[in-house]
Amino acid sequence: MKISRILALLLPATLLTAATVPAAAADPAGALSRCQNGAPADYGAATNVLGNGGGNIPTGSNPPNVLMPGDAFKVRPLISDRVRVDLWGYNVGPDGNGTLAQGGDWPFPGLNQFAEVLRFNNDPGGWVGNPAHATAFQGCQTWNSGYPVRFLFYVNDAATWDNGGYWATNVAIWRANP
């Protein structure tokens, strides 16, 4: 039998097999388990959340979505870091001053004054979910939204022009679909 005849017989079988192999299914439970058991993250990034300007992960002026539905993740602000929130040296950690912002000009009423705030944002769809304290995501959790997102960080302060310092913040992601 000639080689061309053998190839002619094998090619359709190879194409049929390749076309019917299903894509890998997302495994949110596996991603969460890897996170909880200390396995290396599939994605890790850090940013300095500036007291007078915030920050984002990934970095850049219009970062891409990085957290996908079903992924497990952690957000770890460095608790010992301080942001100065006035010209007189009053400074706070990422949990803010412990007093809830009420009314007025606070950008995130109901969250701690001067706290590091996390918003999830889908490019190009917009905000996903409500603002929350960045420190609320220090433990492993699954991203249950149906939208991929990026991480945008803020300071809950109506006047950031007089702020200084930063909170070093790390994000780790374990993929549901590695």
C-alpha atoms as a PDB file:
ATOM      1  CA  MET A   1       0.000   0.000   0.000  1.00  0.00           C
ATOM      2  CA  LYS A   2       1.316   3.407  -0.860  1.00  0.00           C
ATOM      3  CA  ILE A   3       1.928   6.029   1.811  1.00  0.00           C
ATOM      4  CA  SER A   4      -0.478   8.433   0.118  1.00  0.00           C
ATOM      5  CA  ARG A   5      -3.236   5.794   0.352  1.00  0.00           C
ATOM      6  CA  ILE A   6      -2.515   5.257   4.083  1.00  0.00           C
ATOM      7  CA  LEU A   7      -2.622   9.005   4.732  1.00  0.00           C
ATOM      8  CA  ALA A   8      -5.854   9.294   2.778  1.00  0.00           C
ATOM      9  CA  LEU A   9      -7.428   6.668   5.051  1.00  0.00           C
ATOM     10  CA  LEU A  10      -6.065   8.119   8.319  1.00  0.00           C
ATOM     11  CA  LEU A  11      -6.760  11.814   7.714  1.00  0.00           C
ATOM     12  CA  PRO A  12     -10.590  11.670   7.950  1.00  0.00           C
ATOM     13  CA  ALA A  13     -10.413   9.580  11.143  1.00  0.00           C
ATOM     14  CA  THR A  14      -7.946  12.044  12.691  1.00  0.00           C
ATOM     15  CA  LEU A  15     -10.111  15.050  11.803  1.00  0.00           C
ATOM     16  CA  LEU A  16     -13.258  13.379  13.151  1.00  0.00           C
ATOM     17  CA  THR A  17     -11.532  12.545  16.452  1.00  0.00           C
ATOM     18  CA  ALA A  18     -10.134  16.062  16.853  1.00  0.00           C
ATOM     19  CA  ALA A  19     -13.504  17.646  16.102  1.00  0.00           C
ATOM     20  CA  THR A  20     -15.387  15.577  18.699  1.00  0.00           C
ATOM     21  CA  VAL A  21     -13.047  16.044  21.668  1.00  0.00           C
ATOM     22  CA  PRO A  22     -14.947  18.294  24.110  1.00  0.00           C
ATOM     23  CA  ALA A  23     -13.360  21.433  25.522  1.00  0.00           C
ATOM     24  CA  ALA A  24     -12.140  21.185  29.097  1.00  0.00           C
ATOM     25  CA  ALA A  25     -14.973  21.954  31.491  1.00  0.00           C
ATOM     26  CA  ALA A  26     -14.581  24.721  34.022  1.00  0.00           C
ATOM     27  CA  ASP A  27     -13.767  23.396  37.486  1.00  0.00           C
ATOM     28  CA  PRO A  28     -14.603  26.048  40.117  1.00  0.00           C
ATOM     29  CA  ALA A  29     -14.396  23.504  42.969  1.00  0.00           C
ATOM     30  CA  GLY A  30     -10.914  22.453  41.840  1.00  0.00           C
ATOM     31  CA  ALA A  31      -9.769  26.075  41.594  1.00  0.00           C
ATOM     32  CA  LEU A  32     -11.076  26.824  45.088  1.00  0.00           C
ATOM     33  CA  SER A  33      -9.452  23.674  46.469  1.00  0.00           C
ATOM     34  CA  ARG A  34      -6.070  24.612  44.953  1.00  0.00           C
ATOM     35  CA  CYS A  35      -6.368  28.069  46.514  1.00  0.00           C
ATOM     36  CA  GLN A  36      -7.314  26.687  49.940  1.00  0.00           C
ATOM     37  CA  ASN A  37      -4.518  24.106  49.867  1.00  0.00           C
ATOM     38  CA  GLY A  38      -1.809  26.645  49.044  1.00  0.00           C
ATOM     39  CA  ALA A  39      -1.097  25.562  45.465  1.00  0.00           C
ATOM     40  CA  PRO A  40       0.730  28.147  43.355  1.00  0.00           C
ATOM     41  CA  ALA A  41      -1.647  30.629  41.751  1.00  0.00           C
ATOM     42  CA  ASP A  42      -2.116  30.597  37.982  1.00  0.00           C
ATOM     43  CA  TYR A  43      -2.018  34.403  37.958  1.00  0.00           C
ATOM     44  CA  GLY A  44      -0.534  36.850  40.421  1.00  0.00           C
ATOM     45  CA  ALA A  45      -0.114  40.605  40.318  1.00  0.00           C
ATOM     46  CA  ALA A  46       0.602  43.476  42.672  1.00  0.00           C
ATOM     47  CA  THR A  47      -0.184  47.160  42.674  1.00  0.00           C
ATOM     48  CA  ASN A  48       0.313  50.097  44.981  1.00  0.00           C
ATOM     49  CA  VAL A  49      -3.102  51.569  45.771  1.00  0.00           C
ATOM     50  CA  LEU A  50      -2.155  55.227  46.037  1.00  0.00           C
ATOM     51  CA  GLY A  51      -3.742  57.302  48.776  1.00  0.00           C
ATOM     52  CA  ASN A  52      -4.335  60.088  46.289  1.00  0.00           C
ATOM     53  CA  GLY A  53      -5.272  58.054  43.244  1.00  0.00           C
ATOM     54  CA  GLY A  54      -6.186  54.382  43.768  1.00  0.00           C
ATOM     55  CA  GLY A  55      -4.909  51.574  41.561  1.00  0.00           C
ATOM     56  CA  ASN A  56      -5.894  48.613  39.434  1.00  0.00           C
ATOM     57  CA  ILE A  57      -5.007  45.035  38.524  1.00  0.00           C
ATOM     58  CA  PRO A  58      -3.934  44.508  35.866  1.00  0.00           C
ATOM     59  CA  THR A  59      -2.155  47.841  35.648  1.00  0.00           C
ATOM     60  CA  GLY A  60      -2.533  50.286  32.781  1.00  0.00           C
ATOM     61  CA  SER A  61      -4.962  52.934  31.615  1.00  0.00           C
ATOM     62  CA  ASN A  62      -7.554  50.435  30.317  1.00  0.00           C
ATOM     63  CA  PRO A  63      -6.609  47.024  31.725  1.00  0.00           C
ATOM     64  CA  PRO A  64      -8.128  43.816  30.355  1.00  0.00           C
ATOM     65  CA  ASN A  65     -10.465  41.551  32.304  1.00  0.00           C
ATOM     66  CA  VAL A  66      -8.403  39.041  34.287  1.00  0.00           C
ATOM     67  CA  LEU A  67     -10.793  37.290  36.723  1.00  0.00           C
ATOM     68  CA  MET A  68     -13.018  34.810  34.874  1.00  0.00           C
ATOM     69  CA  PRO A  69     -16.287  33.175  36.001  1.00  0.00           C
ATOM     70  CA  GLY A  70     -15.545  30.198  38.258  1.00  0.00           C
ATOM     71  CA  ASP A  71     -11.985  31.289  39.125  1.00  0.00           C
ATOM     72  CA  ALA A  72     -10.879  31.294  42.768  1.00  0.00           C
ATOM     73  CA  PHE A  73      -9.102  34.399  44.024  1.00  0.00           C
ATOM     74  CA  LYS A  74      -7.643  36.309  46.980  1.00  0.00           C
ATOM     75  CA  VAL A  75      -6.983  40.013  47.442  1.00  0.00           C
ATOM     76  CA  ARG A  76      -4.272  40.711  50.004  1.00  0.00           C
ATOM     77  CA  PRO A  77      -3.674  44.327  51.022  1.00  0.00           C
ATOM     78  CA  LEU A  78      -0.587  44.651  53.200  1.00  0.00           C
ATOM     79  CA  ILE A  79      -2.227  45.441  56.544  1.00  0.00           C
ATOM     80  CA  SER A  80       0.861  47.224  57.905  1.00  0.00           C
ATOM     81  CA  ASP A  81       0.882  49.774  55.051  1.00  0.00           C
ATOM     82  CA  ARG A  82      -0.529  53.204  55.842  1.00  0.00           C
ATOM     83  CA  VAL A  83      -2.118  55.960  53.811  1.00  0.00           C
ATOM     84  CA  ARG A  84      -1.977  59.519  55.130  1.00  0.00           C
ATOM     85  CA  VAL A  85      -5.442  61.045  54.699  1.00  0.00           C
ATOM     86  CA  ASP A  86      -4.773  64.684  55.594  1.00  0.00           C
ATOM     87  CA  LEU A  87      -1.959  67.220  55.702  1.00  0.00           C
ATOM     88  CA  TRP A  88      -1.372  66.692  59.445  1.00  0.00           C
ATOM     89  CA  GLY A  89      -0.181  63.088  59.261  1.00  0.00           C
ATOM     90  CA  TYR A  90      -3.297  61.130  60.281  1.00  0.00           C
ATOM     91  CA  ASN A  91      -2.848  57.739  58.640  1.00  0.00           C
ATOM     92  CA  VAL A  92      -4.849  54.527  58.345  1.00  0.00           C
ATOM     93  CA  GLY A  93      -4.455  50.948  57.175  1.00  0.00           C
ATOM     94  CA  PRO A  94      -6.568  49.430  54.391  1.00  0.00           C
ATOM     95  CA  ASP A  95      -9.565  48.955  56.758  1.00  0.00           C
ATOM     96  CA  GLY A  96      -9.813  52.742  57.198  1.00  0.00           C
ATOM     97  CA  ASN A  97     -10.696  54.310  60.546  1.00  0.00           C
ATOM     98  CA  GLY A  98     -13.490  51.881  61.499  1.00  0.00           C
ATOM     99  CA  THR A  99     -16.263  54.483  61.177  1.00  0.00           C
ATOM    100  CA  LEU A 100     -18.863  53.974  58.460  1.00  0.00           C
ATOM    101  CA  ALA A 101     -19.098  56.811  55.949  1.00  0.00           C
ATOM    102  CA  GLN A 102     -22.563  58.362  56.162  1.00  0.00           C
ATOM    103  CA  GLY A 103     -23.934  60.725  53.521  1.00  0.00           C
ATOM    104  CA  GLY A 104     -22.012  63.836  52.639  1.00  0.00           C
ATOM    105  CA  ASP A 105     -19.362  63.615  49.953  1.00  0.00           C
ATOM    106  CA  TRP A 106     -18.064  60.128  50.768  1.00  0.00           C
ATOM    107  CA  PRO A 107     -17.649  58.242  47.481  1.00  0.00           C
ATOM    108  CA  PHE A 108     -18.720  54.932  49.096  1.00  0.00           C
ATOM    109  CA  PRO A 109     -21.317  55.547  51.844  1.00  0.00           C
ATOM    110  CA  GLY A 110     -21.817  52.548  54.114  1.00  0.00           C
ATOM    111  CA  LEU A 111     -18.160  51.486  53.891  1.00  0.00           C
ATOM    112  CA  ASN A 112     -15.455  52.547  56.350  1.00  0.00           C
ATOM    113  CA  GLN A 113     -14.122  56.070  56.040  1.00  0.00           C
ATOM    114  CA  PHE A 114     -10.682  56.165  54.405  1.00  0.00           C
ATOM    115  CA  ALA A 115     -10.738  52.407  53.628  1.00  0.00           C
ATOM    116  CA  GLU A 116      -9.316  50.664  50.574  1.00  0.00           C
ATOM    117  CA  VAL A 117     -12.361  49.912  48.406  1.00  0.00           C
ATOM    118  CA  LEU A 118     -12.510  47.315  45.632  1.00  0.00           C
ATOM    119  CA  ARG A 119     -14.805  47.519  42.623  1.00  0.00           C
ATOM    120  CA  PHE A 120     -15.067  44.804  40.000  1.00  0.00           C
ATOM    121  CA  ASN A 121     -15.404  46.132  36.475  1.00  0.00           C
ATOM    122  CA  ASN A 122     -16.109  44.365  33.201  1.00  0.00           C
ATOM    123  CA  ASP A 123     -14.569  45.775  30.046  1.00  0.00           C
ATOM    124  CA  PRO A 124     -16.666  46.871  28.176  1.00  0.00           C
ATOM    125  CA  GLY A 125     -19.818  46.240  30.272  1.00  0.00           C
ATOM    126  CA  GLY A 126     -19.161  48.334  33.391  1.00  0.00           C
ATOM    127  CA  TRP A 127     -19.560  47.740  37.111  1.00  0.00           C
ATOM    128  CA  VAL A 128     -20.257  44.233  38.395  1.00  0.00           C
ATOM    129  CA  GLY A 129     -21.582  44.032  41.951  1.00  0.00           C
ATOM    130  CA  ASN A 130     -21.347  46.570  44.745  1.00  0.00           C
ATOM    131  CA  PRO A 131     -18.222  48.266  46.096  1.00  0.00           C
ATOM    132  CA  ALA A 132     -16.663  46.397  49.042  1.00  0.00           C
ATOM    133  CA  HIS A 133     -13.741  46.660  51.441  1.00  0.00           C
ATOM    134  CA  ALA A 134     -10.678  45.192  49.719  1.00  0.00           C
ATOM    135  CA  THR A 135      -9.852  43.376  52.966  1.00  0.00           C
ATOM    136  CA  ALA A 136     -13.121  41.387  52.655  1.00  0.00           C
ATOM    137  CA  PHE A 137     -11.481  39.238  49.955  1.00  0.00           C
ATOM    138  CA  GLN A 138      -8.401  38.041  51.869  1.00  0.00           C
ATOM    139  CA  GLY A 139      -9.598  34.435  52.003  1.00  0.00           C
ATOM    140  CA  CYS A 140     -10.087  32.092  49.051  1.00  0.00           C
ATOM    141  CA  GLN A 141     -13.374  32.568  47.249  1.00  0.00           C
ATOM    142  CA  THR A 142     -14.953  31.759  43.915  1.00  0.00           C
ATOM    143  CA  TRP A 143     -15.908  34.460  41.416  1.00  0.00           C
ATOM    144  CA  ASN A 144     -19.577  33.575  40.889  1.00  0.00           C
ATOM    145  CA  SER A 145     -20.535  36.364  38.529  1.00  0.00           C
ATOM    146  CA  GLY A 146     -21.163  35.442  34.930  1.00  0.00           C
ATOM    147  CA  TYR A 147     -18.856  38.248  33.772  1.00  0.00           C
ATOM    148  CA  PRO A 148     -15.067  38.426  33.509  1.00  0.00           C
ATOM    149  CA  VAL A 149     -13.711  41.445  35.385  1.00  0.00           C
ATOM    150  CA  ARG A 150     -10.701  43.487  36.358  1.00  0.00           C
ATOM    151  CA  PHE A 151      -9.907  44.867  39.845  1.00  0.00           C
ATOM    152  CA  LEU A 152     -10.212  48.639  40.466  1.00  0.00           C
ATOM    153  CA  PHE A 153      -9.164  50.033  43.860  1.00  0.00           C
ATOM    154  CA  TYR A 154     -10.131  53.328  45.503  1.00  0.00           C
ATOM    155  CA  VAL A 155      -9.776  55.223  48.777  1.00  0.00           C
ATOM    156  CA  ASN A 156     -13.091  56.049  50.471  1.00  0.00           C
ATOM    157  CA  ASP A 157     -12.218  59.701  50.942  1.00  0.00           C
ATOM    158  CA  ALA A 158     -14.046  62.689  49.468  1.00  0.00           C
ATOM    159  CA  ALA A 159     -10.814  64.699  49.238  1.00  0.00           C
ATOM    160  CA  THR A 160      -7.829  62.638  48.125  1.00  0.00           C
ATOM    161  CA  TRP A 161      -5.718  65.631  47.065  1.00  0.00           C
ATOM    162  CA  ASP A 162      -4.179  65.848  50.560  1.00  0.00           C
ATOM    163  CA  ASN A 163      -3.455  62.115  50.858  1.00  0.00           C
ATOM    164  CA  GLY A 164      -0.114  60.373  50.598  1.00  0.00           C
ATOM    165  CA  GLY A 165       1.354  56.897  50.835  1.00  0.00           C
ATOM    166  CA  TYR A 166      -0.090  53.666  49.498  1.00  0.00           C
ATOM    167  CA  TRP A 167      -1.328  50.194  50.342  1.00  0.00           C
ATOM    168  CA  ALA A 168       0.639  47.435  48.593  1.00  0.00           C
ATOM    169  CA  THR A 169      -2.030  45.018  47.365  1.00  0.00           C
ATOM    170  CA  ASN A 170      -1.590  41.572  45.832  1.00  0.00           C
ATOM    171  CA  VAL A 171      -4.113  39.573  43.828  1.00  0.00           C
ATOM    172  CA  ALA A 172      -3.807  35.829  43.232  1.00  0.00           C
ATOM    173  CA  ILE A 173      -6.072  33.836  40.893  1.00  0.00           C
ATOM    174  CA  TRP A 174      -6.514  30.075  40.508  1.00  0.00           C
ATOM    175  CA  ARG A 175      -8.136  29.319  37.165  1.00  0.00           C
ATOM    176  CA  ALA A 176     -11.276  27.209  36.915  1.00  0.00           C
ATOM    177  CA  ASN A 177     -10.207  26.591  33.326  1.00  0.00           C
ATOM    178  CA  PRO A 178      -6.391  26.393  33.500  1.00  0.00           C
END
